[in-house]
Amino acid sequence: MANLIPGIRNAARALIIRDDRLLLLRKNGGERGERYALPGGA
């Protein structure tokens, strides 16, 4: 498994809804452009 590209990474994400609104992170990915992700960490 050490030669996997990209490597496997453990992460936790959360789906947070309040007052019918969803919390998302807006990310600027350079060449990948703007995208949205759930909050969390690795």
PDB file of N, CA and C in Angstrom:
ATOM      1  N   MET A   1       0.810  -1.201   0.000  1.00  0.00           N
ATOM      2  CA  MET A   1       0.000   0.000   0.000  1.00  0.00           C
ATOM      3  C   MET A   1       0.850   1.261   0.000  1.00  0.00           C
ATOM      4  N   ALA A   2       2.113   1.157   0.288  1.00  0.00           N
ATOM      5  CA  ALA A   2       2.980   2.325   0.357  1.00  0.00           C
ATOM      6  C   ALA A   2       3.156   2.993  -0.998  1.00  0.00           C
ATOM      7  N   ASN A   3       2.895   2.289  -2.092  1.00  0.00           N
ATOM      8  CA  ASN A   3       3.107   2.865  -3.418  1.00  0.00           C
ATOM      9  C   ASN A   3       1.835   3.417  -4.052  1.00  0.00           C
ATOM     10  N   LEU A   4       0.770   3.573  -3.279  1.00  0.00           N
ATOM     11  CA  LEU A   4      -0.466   4.154  -3.820  1.00  0.00           C
ATOM     12  C   LEU A   4      -0.282   5.643  -4.080  1.00  0.00           C
ATOM     13  N   ILE A   5      -0.764   6.099  -5.216  1.00  0.00           N
ATOM     14  CA  ILE A   5      -0.648   7.521  -5.560  1.00  0.00           C
ATOM     15  C   ILE A   5      -2.037   8.037  -5.877  1.00  0.00           C
ATOM     16  N   PRO A   6      -2.643   9.009  -5.247  1.00  0.00           N
ATOM     17  CA  PRO A   6      -2.154   9.549  -3.976  1.00  0.00           C
ATOM     18  C   PRO A   6      -2.374   8.539  -2.854  1.00  0.00           C
ATOM     19  N   GLY A   7      -1.655   8.700  -1.781  1.00  0.00           N
ATOM     20  CA  GLY A   7      -1.741   7.776  -0.663  1.00  0.00           C
ATOM     21  C   GLY A   7      -3.102   7.810   0.018  1.00  0.00           C
ATOM     22  N   ILE A   8      -3.435   6.746   0.702  1.00  0.00           N
ATOM     23  CA  ILE A   8      -4.686   6.688   1.449  1.00  0.00           C
ATOM     24  C   ILE A   8      -4.549   7.535   2.701  1.00  0.00           C
ATOM     25  N   ARG A   9      -5.586   8.290   3.019  1.00  0.00           N
ATOM     26  CA  ARG A   9      -5.554   9.193   4.168  1.00  0.00           C
ATOM     27  C   ARG A   9      -6.881   9.090   4.912  1.00  0.00           C
ATOM     28  N   ASN A  10      -6.826   8.918   6.210  1.00  0.00           N
ATOM     29  CA  ASN A  10      -8.041   8.888   7.022  1.00  0.00           C
ATOM     30  C   ASN A  10      -8.535  10.307   7.245  1.00  0.00           C
ATOM     31  N   ALA A  11      -9.840  10.482   7.214  1.00  0.00           N
ATOM     32  CA  ALA A  11     -10.426  11.799   7.436  1.00  0.00           C
ATOM     33  C   ALA A  11     -11.821  11.644   8.027  1.00  0.00           C
ATOM     34  N   ALA A  12     -12.279  12.692   8.678  1.00  0.00           N
ATOM     35  CA  ALA A  12     -13.643  12.747   9.217  1.00  0.00           C
ATOM     36  C   ALA A  12     -14.322  13.984   8.654  1.00  0.00           C
ATOM     37  N   ARG A  13     -15.541  13.868   8.246  1.00  0.00           N
ATOM     38  CA  ARG A  13     -16.327  14.990   7.699  1.00  0.00           C
ATOM     39  C   ARG A  13     -17.621  15.089   8.468  1.00  0.00           C
ATOM     40  N   ALA A  14     -18.236  16.264   8.405  1.00  0.00           N
ATOM     41  CA  ALA A  14     -19.504  16.478   9.111  1.00  0.00           C
ATOM     42  C   ALA A  14     -20.501  17.144   8.166  1.00  0.00           C
ATOM     43  N   LEU A  15     -21.738  16.735   8.285  1.00  0.00           N
ATOM     44  CA  LEU A  15     -22.838  17.367   7.571  1.00  0.00           C
ATOM     45  C   LEU A  15     -23.590  18.184   8.612  1.00  0.00           C
ATOM     46  N   ILE A  16     -23.449  19.506   8.523  1.00  0.00           N
ATOM     47  CA  ILE A  16     -24.026  20.402   9.528  1.00  0.00           C
ATOM     48  C   ILE A  16     -25.151  21.202   8.880  1.00  0.00           C
ATOM     49  N   ILE A  17     -26.352  21.014   9.413  1.00  0.00           N
ATOM     50  CA  ILE A  17     -27.536  21.712   8.905  1.00  0.00           C
ATOM     51  C   ILE A  17     -28.157  22.474  10.066  1.00  0.00           C
ATOM     52  N   ARG A  18     -28.425  23.760   9.830  1.00  0.00           N
ATOM     53  CA  ARG A  18     -29.107  24.594  10.824  1.00  0.00           C
ATOM     54  C   ARG A  18     -30.060  25.521  10.089  1.00  0.00           C
ATOM     55  N   ASP A  19     -31.289  25.560  10.543  1.00  0.00           N
ATOM     56  CA  ASP A  19     -32.311  26.421   9.925  1.00  0.00           C
ATOM     57  C   ASP A  19     -32.387  26.200   8.412  1.00  0.00           C
ATOM     58  N   ASP A  20     -32.382  24.930   7.995  1.00  0.00           N
ATOM     59  CA  ASP A  20     -32.460  24.555   6.578  1.00  0.00           C
ATOM     60  C   ASP A  20     -31.300  25.086   5.745  1.00  0.00           C
ATOM     61  N   ARG A  21     -30.144  25.330   6.385  1.00  0.00           N
ATOM     62  CA  ARG A  21     -28.945  25.784   5.677  1.00  0.00           C
ATOM     63  C   ARG A  21     -27.824  24.788   5.927  1.00  0.00           C
ATOM     64  N   LEU A  22     -26.990  24.568   4.911  1.00  0.00           N
ATOM     65  CA  LEU A  22     -25.901  23.603   4.962  1.00  0.00           C
ATOM     66  C   LEU A  22     -24.571  24.339   5.073  1.00  0.00           C
ATOM     67  N   LEU A  23     -23.717  23.911   6.012  1.00  0.00           N
ATOM     68  CA  LEU A  23     -22.398  24.514   6.174  1.00  0.00           C
ATOM     69  C   LEU A  23     -21.414  23.842   5.230  1.00  0.00           C
ATOM     70  N   LEU A  24     -20.783  24.631   4.354  1.00  0.00           N
ATOM     71  CA  LEU A  24     -19.766  24.149   3.419  1.00  0.00           C
ATOM     72  C   LEU A  24     -18.552  25.063   3.483  1.00  0.00           C
ATOM     73  N   LEU A  25     -17.384  24.517   3.145  1.00  0.00           N
ATOM     74  CA  LEU A  25     -16.169  25.310   3.031  1.00  0.00           C
ATOM     75  C   LEU A  25     -15.931  25.615   1.561  1.00  0.00           C
ATOM     76  N   ARG A  26     -15.657  26.878   1.251  1.00  0.00           N
ATOM     77  CA  ARG A  26     -15.324  27.251  -0.128  1.00  0.00           C
ATOM     78  C   ARG A  26     -13.809  27.238  -0.251  1.00  0.00           C
ATOM     79  N   LYS A  27     -13.292  26.471  -1.214  1.00  0.00           N
ATOM     80  CA  LYS A  27     -11.854  26.323  -1.391  1.00  0.00           C
ATOM     81  C   LYS A  27     -11.442  26.806  -2.771  1.00  0.00           C
ATOM     82  N   ASN A  28     -10.315  27.491  -2.830  1.00  0.00           N
ATOM     83  CA  ASN A  28      -9.740  27.909  -4.095  1.00  0.00           C
ATOM     84  C   ASN A  28      -8.643  26.918  -4.425  1.00  0.00           C
ATOM     85  N   GLY A  29      -8.848  26.098  -5.432  1.00  0.00           N
ATOM     86  CA  GLY A  29      -7.922  25.025  -5.749  1.00  0.00           C
ATOM     87  C   GLY A  29      -6.913  25.353  -6.822  1.00  0.00           C
ATOM     88  N   GLY A  30      -6.641  26.646  -7.079  1.00  0.00           N
ATOM     89  CA  GLY A  30      -5.660  26.998  -8.110  1.00  0.00           C
ATOM     90  C   GLY A  30      -6.128  26.517  -9.471  1.00  0.00           C
ATOM     91  N   GLU A  31      -5.391  25.577 -10.043  1.00  0.00           N
ATOM     92  CA  GLU A  31      -5.746  25.034 -11.363  1.00  0.00           C
ATOM     93  C   GLU A  31      -7.063  24.272 -11.327  1.00  0.00           C
ATOM     94  N   ARG A  32      -7.420  23.723 -10.172  1.00  0.00           N
ATOM     95  CA  ARG A  32      -8.667  22.957 -10.048  1.00  0.00           C
ATOM     96  C   ARG A  32      -9.884  23.870  -9.941  1.00  0.00           C
ATOM     97  N   GLY A  33      -9.659  25.134  -9.694  1.00  0.00           N
ATOM     98  CA  GLY A  33     -10.764  26.083  -9.591  1.00  0.00           C
ATOM     99  C   GLY A  33     -11.424  26.055  -8.229  1.00  0.00           C
ATOM    100  N   GLU A  34     -12.441  26.877  -8.082  1.00  0.00           N
ATOM    101  CA  GLU A  34     -13.177  26.957  -6.821  1.00  0.00           C
ATOM    102  C   GLU A  34     -14.028  25.714  -6.625  1.00  0.00           C
ATOM    103  N   ARG A  35     -14.077  25.218  -5.393  1.00  0.00           N
ATOM    104  CA  ARG A  35     -14.901  24.060  -5.084  1.00  0.00           C
ATOM    105  C   ARG A  35     -15.384  24.159  -3.652  1.00  0.00           C
ATOM    106  N   TYR A  36     -16.338  23.324  -3.287  1.00  0.00           N
ATOM    107  CA  TYR A  36     -16.922  23.312  -1.960  1.00  0.00           C
ATOM    108  C   TYR A  36     -16.700  21.954  -1.310  1.00  0.00           C
ATOM    109  N   ALA A  37     -16.512  21.968   0.013  1.00  0.00           N
ATOM    110  CA  ALA A  37     -16.262  20.721   0.744  1.00  0.00           C
ATOM    111  C   ALA A  37     -16.965  20.787   2.086  1.00  0.00           C
ATOM    112  N   LEU A  38     -17.239  19.602   2.629  1.00  0.00           N
ATOM    113  CA  LEU A  38     -17.789  19.519   3.990  1.00  0.00           C
ATOM    114  C   LEU A  38     -16.678  19.818   4.992  1.00  0.00           C
ATOM    115  N   PRO A  39     -17.006  20.437   6.128  1.00  0.00           N
ATOM    116  CA  PRO A  39     -15.983  20.687   7.145  1.00  0.00           C
ATOM    117  C   PRO A  39     -15.510  19.388   7.763  1.00  0.00           C
ATOM    118  N   GLY A  40     -14.257  19.359   8.136  1.00  0.00           N
ATOM    119  CA  GLY A  40     -13.688  18.165   8.758  1.00  0.00           C
ATOM    120  C   GLY A  40     -12.176  18.258   8.785  1.00  0.00           C
ATOM    121  N   GLY A  41     -11.552  17.168   9.068  1.00  0.00           N
ATOM    122  CA  GLY A  41     -10.096  17.159   9.142  1.00  0.00           C
ATOM    123  C   GLY A  41      -9.544  15.767   8.961  1.00  0.00           C
ATOM    124  N   ALA A  42      -8.225  15.733   8.868  1.00  0.00           N
ATOM    125  CA  ALA A  42      -7.536  14.460   8.669  1.00  0.00           C
ATOM    126  C   ALA A  42      -6.493  14.269   9.742  1.00  0.00           C
TER     127      ALA A  42
END
